[in-house]
């Protein structure tokens, strides 16, 4: 139980100070996907994040695989390269140019890399 509470506290700290982590995620994404563009959207951009919120990260690249299994593996590689702990608050979304049309409707979509 103590480890669980420690993980929640650490997750909350990361959520409060999310920007430096997005730089690491951007660097990791670009190492794997040189054409990557990285965006943040959702409650953190709107200033509405609460303890249970996540940080939505969108990575756009035409090198993203079509297979869901390969996409899951890609997300894991990015998380590992970025040095994210297992309890991190980041929700990584992947999109190619075609899929980006869906995300481009999001008002607060903010390019960070």
PDB file of N, CA and C in Angstrom:
ATOM      1  N   UNK A   1       0.820  -1.197   0.000  1.00  0.00           N
ATOM      2  CA  UNK A   1       0.000   0.000   0.000  1.00  0.00           C
ATOM      3  C   UNK A   1       0.863   1.260   0.000  1.00  0.00           C
ATOM      4  N   UNK A   2       1.953   1.222   0.757  1.00  0.00           N
ATOM      5  CA  UNK A   2       2.835   2.382   0.833  1.00  0.00           C
ATOM      6  C   UNK A   2       3.443   2.699  -0.533  1.00  0.00           C
ATOM      7  N   UNK A   3       3.870   1.663  -1.266  1.00  0.00           N
ATOM      8  CA  UNK A   3       4.431   1.879  -2.601  1.00  0.00           C
ATOM      9  C   UNK A   3       3.404   2.488  -3.543  1.00  0.00           C
ATOM     10  N   UNK A   4       2.153   2.068  -3.410  1.00  0.00           N
ATOM     11  CA  UNK A   4       1.080   2.607  -4.242  1.00  0.00           C
ATOM     12  C   UNK A   4       0.892   4.094  -3.964  1.00  0.00           C
ATOM     13  N   UNK A   5       0.877   4.464  -2.690  1.00  0.00           N
ATOM     14  CA  UNK A   5       0.721   5.876  -2.329  1.00  0.00           C
ATOM     15  C   UNK A   5       1.907   6.700  -2.812  1.00  0.00           C
ATOM     16  N   UNK A   6       3.106   6.150  -2.689  1.00  0.00           N
ATOM     17  CA  UNK A   6       4.295   6.845  -3.186  1.00  0.00           C
ATOM     18  C   UNK A   6       4.200   7.059  -4.693  1.00  0.00           C
ATOM     19  N   UNK A   7       3.717   6.054  -5.404  1.00  0.00           N
ATOM     20  CA  UNK A   7       3.564   6.171  -6.857  1.00  0.00           C
ATOM     21  C   UNK A   7       2.549   7.252  -7.208  1.00  0.00           C
ATOM     22  N   UNK A   8       1.452   7.317  -6.467  1.00  0.00           N
ATOM     23  CA  UNK A   8       0.443   8.356  -6.715  1.00  0.00           C
ATOM     24  C   UNK A   8       0.996   9.750  -6.448  1.00  0.00           C
ATOM     25  N   UNK A   9       1.770   9.880  -5.391  1.00  0.00           N
ATOM     26  CA  UNK A   9       2.376  11.179  -5.069  1.00  0.00           C
ATOM     27  C   UNK A   9       3.356  11.583  -6.164  1.00  0.00           C
ATOM     28  N   UNK A  10       4.179  10.645  -6.605  1.00  0.00           N
ATOM     29  CA  UNK A  10       5.147  10.943  -7.670  1.00  0.00           C
ATOM     30  C   UNK A  10       4.430  11.301  -8.966  1.00  0.00           C
ATOM     31  N   UNK A  11       3.356  10.587  -9.277  1.00  0.00           N
ATOM     32  CA  UNK A  11       2.574  10.877 -10.483  1.00  0.00           C
ATOM     33  C   UNK A  11       2.004  12.291 -10.420  1.00  0.00           C
ATOM     34  N   UNK A  12       1.510  12.683  -9.252  1.00  0.00           N
ATOM     35  CA  UNK A  12       0.957  14.032  -9.077  1.00  0.00           C
ATOM     36  C   UNK A  12       2.041  15.093  -9.265  1.00  0.00           C
ATOM     37  N   UNK A  13       3.252  14.822  -8.781  1.00  0.00           N
ATOM     38  CA  UNK A  13       4.372  15.762  -8.967  1.00  0.00           C
ATOM     39  C   UNK A  13       4.705  15.919 -10.447  1.00  0.00           C
ATOM     40  N   UNK A  14       4.725  14.804 -11.163  1.00  0.00           N
ATOM     41  CA  UNK A  14       5.010  14.853 -12.601  1.00  0.00           C
ATOM     42  C   UNK A  14       3.916  15.633 -13.321  1.00  0.00           C
ATOM     43  N   UNK A  15       2.679  15.409 -12.938  1.00  0.00           N
ATOM     44  CA  UNK A  15       1.555  16.109 -13.566  1.00  0.00           C
ATOM     45  C   UNK A  15       1.664  17.617 -13.365  1.00  0.00           C
ATOM     46  N   UNK A  16       2.085  18.043 -12.182  1.00  0.00           N
ATOM     47  CA  UNK A  16       2.238  19.481 -11.906  1.00  0.00           C
ATOM     48  C   UNK A  16       3.375  20.096 -12.718  1.00  0.00           C
ATOM     49  N   UNK A  17       4.405  19.318 -12.983  1.00  0.00           N
ATOM     50  CA  UNK A  17       5.606  19.813 -13.660  1.00  0.00           C
ATOM     51  C   UNK A  17       5.833  19.010 -14.940  1.00  0.00           C
ATOM     52  N   UNK A  18       4.834  18.984 -15.816  1.00  0.00           N
ATOM     53  CA  UNK A  18       4.832  18.096 -16.976  1.00  0.00           C
ATOM     54  C   UNK A  18       5.719  18.564 -18.125  1.00  0.00           C
ATOM     55  N   UNK A  19       5.992  19.847 -18.236  1.00  0.00           N
ATOM     56  CA  UNK A  19       6.700  20.372 -19.414  1.00  0.00           C
ATOM     57  C   UNK A  19       8.089  19.761 -19.654  1.00  0.00           C
ATOM     58  N   UNK A  20       8.955  19.646 -18.631  1.00  0.00           N
ATOM     59  CA  UNK A  20      10.273  19.035 -18.890  1.00  0.00           C
ATOM     60  C   UNK A  20      10.173  17.599 -19.416  1.00  0.00           C
ATOM     61  N   UNK A  21       9.159  16.888 -18.988  1.00  0.00           N
ATOM     62  CA  UNK A  21       8.979  15.513 -19.457  1.00  0.00           C
ATOM     63  C   UNK A  21       8.575  15.479 -20.929  1.00  0.00           C
ATOM     64  N   UNK A  22       7.813  16.489 -21.356  1.00  0.00           N
ATOM     65  CA  UNK A  22       7.415  16.508 -22.767  1.00  0.00           C
ATOM     66  C   UNK A  22       8.623  16.745 -23.667  1.00  0.00           C
ATOM     67  N   UNK A  23       9.624  17.467 -23.159  1.00  0.00           N
ATOM     68  CA  UNK A  23      10.860  17.647 -23.930  1.00  0.00           C
ATOM     69  C   UNK A  23      11.552  16.301 -24.124  1.00  0.00           C
ATOM     70  N   UNK A  24      11.583  15.493 -23.074  1.00  0.00           N
ATOM     71  CA  UNK A  24      12.200  14.165 -23.165  1.00  0.00           C
ATOM     72  C   UNK A  24      11.412  13.263 -24.113  1.00  0.00           C
ATOM     73  N   UNK A  25      10.089  13.351 -24.053  1.00  0.00           N
ATOM     74  CA  UNK A  25       9.247  12.557 -24.951  1.00  0.00           C
ATOM     75  C   UNK A  25       9.479  12.986 -26.395  1.00  0.00           C
ATOM     76  N   UNK A  26       9.578  14.290 -26.625  1.00  0.00           N
ATOM     77  CA  UNK A  26       9.828  14.807 -27.974  1.00  0.00           C
ATOM     78  C   UNK A  26      11.163  14.298 -28.505  1.00  0.00           C
ATOM     79  N   UNK A  27      12.205  14.384 -27.692  1.00  0.00           N
ATOM     80  CA  UNK A  27      13.528  13.900 -28.108  1.00  0.00           C
ATOM     81  C   UNK A  27      13.482  12.413 -28.441  1.00  0.00           C
ATOM     82  N   UNK A  28      12.830  11.635 -27.605  1.00  0.00           N
ATOM     83  CA  UNK A  28      12.733  10.188 -27.833  1.00  0.00           C
ATOM     84  C   UNK A  28      11.967   9.890 -29.110  1.00  0.00           C
ATOM     85  N   UNK A  29      10.851  10.584 -29.311  1.00  0.00           N
ATOM     86  CA  UNK A  29      10.039  10.362 -30.515  1.00  0.00           C
ATOM     87  C   UNK A  29      10.840  10.674 -31.768  1.00  0.00           C
ATOM     88  N   UNK A  30      11.594  11.765 -31.749  1.00  0.00           N
ATOM     89  CA  UNK A  30      12.356  12.167 -32.938  1.00  0.00           C
ATOM     90  C   UNK A  30      13.556  11.259 -33.193  1.00  0.00           C
ATOM     91  N   UNK A  31      14.061  10.611 -32.158  1.00  0.00           N
ATOM     92  CA  UNK A  31      15.136   9.634 -32.368  1.00  0.00           C
ATOM     93  C   UNK A  31      14.618   8.419 -33.123  1.00  0.00           C
ATOM     94  N   UNK A  32      13.392   8.024 -32.820  1.00  0.00           N
ATOM     95  CA  UNK A  32      12.802   6.845 -33.458  1.00  0.00           C
ATOM     96  C   UNK A  32      12.122   7.208 -34.774  1.00  0.00           C
ATOM     97  N   UNK A  33      11.453   8.359 -34.786  1.00  0.00           N
ATOM     98  CA  UNK A  33      10.681   8.824 -35.947  1.00  0.00           C
ATOM     99  C   UNK A  33      11.205  10.211 -36.338  1.00  0.00           C
ATOM    100  N   UNK A  34      12.215  10.280 -37.188  1.00  0.00           N
ATOM    101  CA  UNK A  34      12.827  11.575 -37.505  1.00  0.00           C
ATOM    102  C   UNK A  34      11.858  12.633 -38.034  1.00  0.00           C
ATOM    103  N   UNK A  35      10.749  12.217 -38.630  1.00  0.00           N
ATOM    104  CA  UNK A  35       9.784  13.189 -39.163  1.00  0.00           C
ATOM    105  C   UNK A  35       8.703  13.571 -38.146  1.00  0.00           C
ATOM    106  N   UNK A  36       8.878  13.171 -36.898  1.00  0.00           N
ATOM    107  CA  UNK A  36       7.835  13.371 -35.885  1.00  0.00           C
ATOM    108  C   UNK A  36       7.570  14.842 -35.590  1.00  0.00           C
ATOM    109  N   UNK A  37       6.289  15.136 -35.408  1.00  0.00           N
ATOM    110  CA  UNK A  37       5.831  16.404 -34.853  1.00  0.00           C
ATOM    111  C   UNK A  37       5.113  16.033 -33.565  1.00  0.00           C
ATOM    112  N   UNK A  38       5.358  16.787 -32.506  1.00  0.00           N
ATOM    113  CA  UNK A  38       4.797  16.437 -31.205  1.00  0.00           C
ATOM    114  C   UNK A  38       3.917  17.579 -30.703  1.00  0.00           C
ATOM    115  N   UNK A  39       2.749  17.203 -30.188  1.00  0.00           N
ATOM    116  CA  UNK A  39       1.752  18.160 -29.715  1.00  0.00           C
ATOM    117  C   UNK A  39       1.274  17.751 -28.327  1.00  0.00           C
ATOM    118  N   UNK A  40       0.781  18.738 -27.585  1.00  0.00           N
ATOM    119  CA  UNK A  40       0.109  18.492 -26.310  1.00  0.00           C
ATOM    120  C   UNK A  40      -1.302  19.037 -26.445  1.00  0.00           C
ATOM    121  N   UNK A  41      -2.263  18.357 -25.842  1.00  0.00           N
ATOM    122  CA  UNK A  41      -3.635  18.858 -25.843  1.00  0.00           C
ATOM    123  C   UNK A  41      -4.346  18.362 -24.591  1.00  0.00           C
ATOM    124  N   UNK A  42      -5.535  18.833 -24.389  1.00  0.00           N
ATOM    125  CA  UNK A  42      -6.342  18.370 -23.271  1.00  0.00           C
ATOM    126  C   UNK A  42      -6.320  19.303 -22.079  1.00  0.00           C
ATOM    127  N   UNK A  43      -6.635  18.729 -20.916  1.00  0.00           N
ATOM    128  CA  UNK A  43      -6.856  19.528 -19.707  1.00  0.00           C
ATOM    129  C   UNK A  43      -5.631  20.319 -19.262  1.00  0.00           C
ATOM    130  N   UNK A  44      -4.412  19.814 -19.492  1.00  0.00           N
ATOM    131  CA  UNK A  44      -3.234  20.581 -19.057  1.00  0.00           C
ATOM    132  C   UNK A  44      -3.089  21.873 -19.854  1.00  0.00           C
ATOM    133  N   UNK A  45      -3.442  21.847 -21.122  1.00  0.00           N
ATOM    134  CA  UNK A  45      -3.367  23.052 -21.952  1.00  0.00           C
ATOM    135  C   UNK A  45      -4.483  24.023 -21.574  1.00  0.00           C
ATOM    136  N   UNK A  46      -5.635  23.492 -21.250  1.00  0.00           N
ATOM    137  CA  UNK A  46      -6.762  24.348 -20.856  1.00  0.00           C
ATOM    138  C   UNK A  46      -6.633  24.850 -19.422  1.00  0.00           C
ATOM    139  N   UNK A  47      -5.638  24.357 -18.677  1.00  0.00           N
ATOM    140  CA  UNK A  47      -5.478  24.749 -17.282  1.00  0.00           C
ATOM    141  C   UNK A  47      -6.509  24.124 -16.365  1.00  0.00           C
ATOM    142  N   UNK A  48      -7.026  22.970 -16.751  1.00  0.00           N
ATOM    143  CA  UNK A  48      -8.085  22.304 -15.993  1.00  0.00           C
ATOM    144  C   UNK A  48      -7.650  20.956 -15.418  1.00  0.00           C
ATOM    145  N   UNK A  49      -6.364  20.674 -15.408  1.00  0.00           N
ATOM    146  CA  UNK A  49      -5.893  19.371 -14.932  1.00  0.00           C
ATOM    147  C   UNK A  49      -6.149  19.222 -13.433  1.00  0.00           C
ATOM    148  N   UNK A  50      -6.553  18.027 -13.045  1.00  0.00           N
ATOM    149  CA  UNK A  50      -6.742  17.663 -11.638  1.00  0.00           C
ATOM    150  C   UNK A  50      -5.891  16.424 -11.361  1.00  0.00           C
ATOM    151  N   UNK A  51      -5.868  15.974 -10.127  1.00  0.00           N
ATOM    152  CA  UNK A  51      -5.013  14.862  -9.737  1.00  0.00           C
ATOM    153  C   UNK A  51      -5.112  13.620 -10.598  1.00  0.00           C
ATOM    154  N   UNK A  52      -6.297  13.302 -11.089  1.00  0.00           N
ATOM    155  CA  UNK A  52      -6.486  12.105 -11.904  1.00  0.00           C
ATOM    156  C   UNK A  52      -6.335  12.338 -13.392  1.00  0.00           C
ATOM    157  N   UNK A  53      -5.965  13.549 -13.776  1.00  0.00           N
ATOM    158  CA  UNK A  53      -5.827  13.871 -15.205  1.00  0.00           C
ATOM    159  C   UNK A  53      -4.609  13.189 -15.801  1.00  0.00           C
ATOM    160  N   UNK A  54      -4.603  13.132 -17.123  1.00  0.00           N
ATOM    161  CA  UNK A  54      -3.401  12.701 -17.821  1.00  0.00           C
ATOM    162  C   UNK A  54      -2.924  13.866 -18.682  1.00  0.00           C
ATOM    163  N   UNK A  55      -1.747  13.692 -19.258  1.00  0.00           N
ATOM    164  CA  UNK A  55      -1.200  14.681 -20.183  1.00  0.00           C
ATOM    165  C   UNK A  55      -1.254  14.038 -21.561  1.00  0.00           C
ATOM    166  N   UNK A  56      -2.116  14.564 -22.419  1.00  0.00           N
ATOM    167  CA  UNK A  56      -2.280  13.999 -23.756  1.00  0.00           C
ATOM    168  C   UNK A  56      -1.175  14.495 -24.673  1.00  0.00           C
ATOM    169  N   UNK A  57      -0.404  13.557 -25.203  1.00  0.00           N
ATOM    170  CA  UNK A  57       0.688  13.835 -26.133  1.00  0.00           C
ATOM    171  C   UNK A  57       0.320  13.195 -27.463  1.00  0.00           C
ATOM    172  N   UNK A  58       0.380  13.974 -28.522  1.00  0.00           N
ATOM    173  CA  UNK A  58       0.123  13.456 -29.869  1.00  0.00           C
ATOM    174  C   UNK A  58       1.420  13.486 -30.657  1.00  0.00           C
ATOM    175  N   UNK A  59       1.787  12.351 -31.215  1.00  0.00           N
ATOM    176  CA  UNK A  59       2.968  12.258 -32.067  1.00  0.00           C
ATOM    177  C   UNK A  59       2.489  11.960 -33.473  1.00  0.00           C
ATOM    178  N   UNK A  60       2.783  12.897 -34.385  1.00  0.00           N
ATOM    179  CA  UNK A  60       2.399  12.738 -35.791  1.00  0.00           C
ATOM    180  C   UNK A  60       3.638  12.361 -36.587  1.00  0.00           C
ATOM    181  N   UNK A  61       3.512  11.300 -37.365  1.00  0.00           N
ATOM    182  CA  UNK A  61       4.607  10.853 -38.223  1.00  0.00           C
ATOM    183  C   UNK A  61       4.041   9.927 -39.289  1.00  0.00           C
ATOM    184  N   UNK A  62       4.572  10.021 -40.479  1.00  0.00           N
ATOM    185  CA  UNK A  62       4.161   9.091 -41.524  1.00  0.00           C
ATOM    186  C   UNK A  62       4.923   7.767 -41.426  1.00  0.00           C
ATOM    187  N   UNK A  63       5.766   7.637 -40.401  1.00  0.00           N
ATOM    188  CA  UNK A  63       6.500   6.397 -40.167  1.00  0.00           C
ATOM    189  C   UNK A  63       5.815   5.524 -39.112  1.00  0.00           C
ATOM    190  N   UNK A  64       4.679   5.954 -38.602  1.00  0.00           N
ATOM    191  CA  UNK A  64       3.961   5.196 -37.578  1.00  0.00           C
ATOM    192  C   UNK A  64       3.365   3.937 -38.210  1.00  0.00           C
ATOM    193  N   UNK A  65       3.584   2.788 -37.579  1.00  0.00           N
ATOM    194  CA  UNK A  65       3.049   1.541 -38.147  1.00  0.00           C
ATOM    195  C   UNK A  65       1.523   1.495 -38.090  1.00  0.00           C
ATOM    196  N   UNK A  66       0.950   0.663 -38.941  1.00  0.00           N
ATOM    197  CA  UNK A  66      -0.507   0.507 -38.973  1.00  0.00           C
ATOM    198  C   UNK A  66      -0.999  -0.467 -37.901  1.00  0.00           C
ATOM    199  N   UNK A  67      -0.206  -1.465 -37.598  1.00  0.00           N
ATOM    200  CA  UNK A  67      -0.574  -2.503 -36.634  1.00  0.00           C
ATOM    201  C   UNK A  67      -0.680  -1.934 -35.214  1.00  0.00           C
ATOM    202  N   UNK A  68      -1.761  -2.286 -34.525  1.00  0.00           N
ATOM    203  CA  UNK A  68      -1.934  -1.833 -33.142  1.00  0.00           C
ATOM    204  C   UNK A  68      -0.849  -2.381 -32.223  1.00  0.00           C
ATOM    205  N   UNK A  69      -0.406  -3.596 -32.477  1.00  0.00           N
ATOM    206  CA  UNK A  69       0.661  -4.184 -31.664  1.00  0.00           C
ATOM    207  C   UNK A  69       1.951  -3.402 -31.860  1.00  0.00           C
ATOM    208  N   UNK A  70       2.276  -3.095 -33.103  1.00  0.00           N
ATOM    209  CA  UNK A  70       3.488  -2.321 -33.374  1.00  0.00           C
ATOM    210  C   UNK A  70       3.382  -0.905 -32.805  1.00  0.00           C
ATOM    211  N   UNK A  71       2.188  -0.345 -32.813  1.00  0.00           N
ATOM    212  CA  UNK A  71       1.989   0.986 -32.223  1.00  0.00           C
ATOM    213  C   UNK A  71       2.213   0.937 -30.709  1.00  0.00           C
ATOM    214  N   UNK A  72       1.708  -0.102 -30.071  1.00  0.00           N
ATOM    215  CA  UNK A  72       1.913  -0.252 -28.625  1.00  0.00           C
ATOM    216  C   UNK A  72       3.401  -0.397 -28.311  1.00  0.00           C
ATOM    217  N   UNK A  73       4.107  -1.170 -29.133  1.00  0.00           N
ATOM    218  CA  UNK A  73       5.550  -1.336 -28.954  1.00  0.00           C
ATOM    219  C   UNK A  73       6.277  -0.010 -29.154  1.00  0.00           C
ATOM    220  N   UNK A  74       5.831   0.776 -30.124  1.00  0.00           N
ATOM    221  CA  UNK A  74       6.432   2.083 -30.390  1.00  0.00           C
ATOM    222  C   UNK A  74       6.239   3.016 -29.190  1.00  0.00           C
ATOM    223  N   UNK A  75       5.042   3.037 -28.639  1.00  0.00           N
ATOM    224  CA  UNK A  75       4.784   3.872 -27.458  1.00  0.00           C
ATOM    225  C   UNK A  75       5.705   3.465 -26.311  1.00  0.00           C
ATOM    226  N   UNK A  76       5.852   2.164 -26.108  1.00  0.00           N
ATOM    227  CA  UNK A  76       6.720   1.666 -25.043  1.00  0.00           C
ATOM    228  C   UNK A  76       8.168   2.094 -25.265  1.00  0.00           C
ATOM    229  N   UNK A  77       8.639   2.010 -26.504  1.00  0.00           N
ATOM    230  CA  UNK A  77      10.010   2.436 -26.814  1.00  0.00           C
ATOM    231  C   UNK A  77      10.201   3.916 -26.513  1.00  0.00           C
ATOM    232  N   UNK A  78       9.221   4.725 -26.890  1.00  0.00           N
ATOM    233  CA  UNK A  78       9.302   6.166 -26.634  1.00  0.00           C
ATOM    234  C   UNK A  78       9.335   6.426 -25.130  1.00  0.00           C
ATOM    235  N   UNK A  79       8.460   5.756 -24.383  1.00  0.00           N
ATOM    236  CA  UNK A  79       8.425   5.919 -22.929  1.00  0.00           C
ATOM    237  C   UNK A  79       9.762   5.524 -22.303  1.00  0.00           C
ATOM    238  N   UNK A  80      10.335   4.414 -22.769  1.00  0.00           N
ATOM    239  CA  UNK A  80      11.615   3.947 -22.226  1.00  0.00           C
ATOM    240  C   UNK A  80      12.740   4.917 -22.557  1.00  0.00           C
ATOM    241  N   UNK A  81      12.818   5.355 -23.820  1.00  0.00           N
ATOM    242  CA  UNK A  81      13.864   6.303 -24.221  1.00  0.00           C
ATOM    243  C   UNK A  81      13.749   7.625 -23.472  1.00  0.00           C
ATOM    244  N   UNK A  82      12.533   8.036 -23.176  1.00  0.00           N
ATOM    245  CA  UNK A  82      12.302   9.286 -22.450  1.00  0.00           C
ATOM    246  C   UNK A  82      12.567   9.124 -20.952  1.00  0.00           C
ATOM    247  N   UNK A  83      12.745   7.889 -20.506  1.00  0.00           N
ATOM    248  CA  UNK A  83      13.008   7.633 -19.094  1.00  0.00           C
ATOM    249  C   UNK A  83      11.800   7.837 -18.196  1.00  0.00           C
ATOM    250  N   UNK A  84      10.606   7.613 -18.747  1.00  0.00           N
ATOM    251  CA  UNK A  84       9.390   7.799 -17.953  1.00  0.00           C
ATOM    252  C   UNK A  84       9.217   6.657 -16.956  1.00  0.00           C
ATOM    253  N   UNK A  85       8.805   6.972 -15.739  1.00  0.00           N
ATOM    254  CA  UNK A  85       8.530   5.905 -14.773  1.00  0.00           C
ATOM    255  C   UNK A  85       7.243   5.173 -15.151  1.00  0.00           C
ATOM    256  N   UNK A  86       7.034   3.974 -14.631  1.00  0.00           N
ATOM    257  CA  UNK A  86       5.858   3.183 -15.034  1.00  0.00           C
ATOM    258  C   UNK A  86       4.517   3.819 -14.668  1.00  0.00           C
ATOM    259  N   UNK A  87       4.494   4.718 -13.711  1.00  0.00           N
ATOM    260  CA  UNK A  87       3.247   5.322 -13.232  1.00  0.00           C
ATOM    261  C   UNK A  87       3.017   6.718 -13.799  1.00  0.00           C
ATOM    262  N   UNK A  88       3.670   7.066 -14.874  1.00  0.00           N
ATOM    263  CA  UNK A  88       3.600   8.424 -15.426  1.00  0.00           C
ATOM    264  C   UNK A  88       2.188   8.789 -15.895  1.00  0.00           C
ATOM    265  N   UNK A  89       1.892  10.095 -15.979  1.00  0.00           N
ATOM    266  CA  UNK A  89       0.552  10.538 -16.383  1.00  0.00           C
ATOM    267  C   UNK A  89       0.395  10.822 -17.876  1.00  0.00           C
ATOM    268  N   UNK A  90       1.337  10.399 -18.697  1.00  0.00           N
ATOM    269  CA  UNK A  90       1.293  10.745 -20.115  1.00  0.00           C
ATOM    270  C   UNK A  90       0.511   9.715 -20.925  1.00  0.00           C
ATOM    271  N   UNK A  91      -0.420  10.200 -21.722  1.00  0.00           N
ATOM    272  CA  UNK A  91      -1.193   9.367 -22.650  1.00  0.00           C
ATOM    273  C   UNK A  91      -0.684   9.708 -24.044  1.00  0.00           C
ATOM    274  N   UNK A  92       0.035   8.786 -24.646  1.00  0.00           N
ATOM    275  CA  UNK A  92       0.636   9.034 -25.958  1.00  0.00           C
ATOM    276  C   UNK A  92      -0.316   8.563 -27.046  1.00  0.00           C
ATOM    277  N   UNK A  93      -0.640   9.482 -27.943  1.00  0.00           N
ATOM    278  CA  UNK A  93      -1.485   9.203 -29.103  1.00  0.00           C
ATOM    279  C   UNK A  93      -0.581   9.249 -30.331  1.00  0.00           C
ATOM    280  N   UNK A  94      -0.808   8.355 -31.272  1.00  0.00           N
ATOM    281  CA  UNK A  94      -0.022   8.305 -32.504  1.00  0.00           C
ATOM    282  C   UNK A  94      -0.930   8.556 -33.693  1.00  0.00           C
ATOM    283  N   UNK A  95      -0.436   9.317 -34.664  1.00  0.00           N
ATOM    284  CA  UNK A  95      -1.242   9.600 -35.859  1.00  0.00           C
ATOM    285  C   UNK A  95      -0.339   9.798 -37.067  1.00  0.00           C
ATOM    286  N   UNK A  96      -0.787   9.260 -38.202  1.00  0.00           N
ATOM    287  CA  UNK A  96      -0.127   9.576 -39.468  1.00  0.00           C
ATOM    288  C   UNK A  96      -0.849  10.789 -40.057  1.00  0.00           C
ATOM    289  N   UNK A  97      -0.463  11.217 -41.247  1.00  0.00           N
ATOM    290  CA  UNK A  97      -1.069  12.419 -41.843  1.00  0.00           C
ATOM    291  C   UNK A  97      -2.575  12.287 -42.006  1.00  0.00           C
ATOM    292  N   UNK A  98      -3.022  11.117 -42.411  1.00  0.00           N
ATOM    293  CA  UNK A  98      -4.457  10.906 -42.605  1.00  0.00           C
ATOM    294  C   UNK A  98      -5.206  10.972 -41.271  1.00  0.00           C
ATOM    295  N   UNK A  99      -4.671  10.313 -40.251  1.00  0.00           N
ATOM    296  CA  UNK A  99      -5.310  10.302 -38.936  1.00  0.00           C
ATOM    297  C   UNK A  99      -5.249  11.670 -38.262  1.00  0.00           C
ATOM    298  N   UNK A 100      -4.294  12.473 -38.666  1.00  0.00           N
ATOM    299  CA  UNK A 100      -4.124  13.799 -38.079  1.00  0.00           C
ATOM    300  C   UNK A 100      -5.344  14.683 -38.323  1.00  0.00           C
ATOM    301  N   UNK A 101      -6.095  14.391 -39.366  1.00  0.00           N
ATOM    302  CA  UNK A 101      -7.303  15.186 -39.649  1.00  0.00           C
ATOM    303  C   UNK A 101      -8.254  15.183 -38.458  1.00  0.00           C
ATOM    304  N   UNK A 102      -8.361  14.044 -37.794  1.00  0.00           N
ATOM    305  CA  UNK A 102      -9.216  13.951 -36.605  1.00  0.00           C
ATOM    306  C   UNK A 102      -8.707  14.880 -35.499  1.00  0.00           C
ATOM    307  N   UNK A 103      -7.404  14.827 -35.241  1.00  0.00           N
ATOM    308  CA  UNK A 103      -6.823  15.612 -34.150  1.00  0.00           C
ATOM    309  C   UNK A 103      -6.769  17.102 -34.459  1.00  0.00           C
ATOM    310  N   UNK A 104      -6.699  17.461 -35.725  1.00  0.00           N
ATOM    311  CA  UNK A 104      -6.586  18.880 -36.084  1.00  0.00           C
ATOM    312  C   UNK A 104      -7.828  19.678 -35.691  1.00  0.00           C
ATOM    313  N   UNK A 105      -8.911  19.002 -35.353  1.00  0.00           N
ATOM    314  CA  UNK A 105     -10.140  19.683 -34.903  1.00  0.00           C
ATOM    315  C   UNK A 105     -10.059  20.126 -33.442  1.00  0.00           C
ATOM    316  N   UNK A 106      -9.067  19.644 -32.731  1.00  0.00           N
ATOM    317  CA  UNK A 106      -8.936  19.964 -31.309  1.00  0.00           C
ATOM    318  C   UNK A 106      -8.380  21.379 -31.173  1.00  0.00           C
ATOM    319  N   UNK A 107      -9.153  22.251 -30.534  1.00  0.00           N
ATOM    320  CA  UNK A 107      -8.795  23.669 -30.429  1.00  0.00           C
ATOM    321  C   UNK A 107      -7.469  23.906 -29.724  1.00  0.00           C
ATOM    322  N   UNK A 108      -7.247  23.201 -28.627  1.00  0.00           N
ATOM    323  CA  UNK A 108      -6.064  23.490 -27.816  1.00  0.00           C
ATOM    324  C   UNK A 108      -4.827  22.696 -28.241  1.00  0.00           C
ATOM    325  N   UNK A 109      -4.851  22.086 -29.403  1.00  0.00           N
ATOM    326  CA  UNK A 109      -3.706  21.325 -29.897  1.00  0.00           C
ATOM    327  C   UNK A 109      -2.509  22.272 -30.016  1.00  0.00           C
ATOM    328  N   UNK A 110      -1.463  22.005 -29.237  1.00  0.00           N
ATOM    329  CA  UNK A 110      -0.315  22.902 -29.146  1.00  0.00           C
ATOM    330  C   UNK A 110       0.950  22.163 -29.554  1.00  0.00           C
ATOM    331  N   UNK A 111       1.596  22.645 -30.609  1.00  0.00           N
ATOM    332  CA  UNK A 111       2.821  21.997 -31.092  1.00  0.00           C
ATOM    333  C   UNK A 111       3.973  22.324 -30.153  1.00  0.00           C
ATOM    334  N   UNK A 112       4.703  21.281 -29.752  1.00  0.00           N
ATOM    335  CA  UNK A 112       5.849  21.478 -28.865  1.00  0.00           C
ATOM    336  C   UNK A 112       7.152  20.968 -29.480  1.00  0.00           C
ATOM    337  N   UNK A 113       7.066  20.292 -30.600  1.00  0.00           N
ATOM    338  CA  UNK A 113       8.287  19.780 -31.221  1.00  0.00           C
ATOM    339  C   UNK A 113       8.042  19.216 -32.585  1.00  0.00           C
TER     340      UNK A 113
END
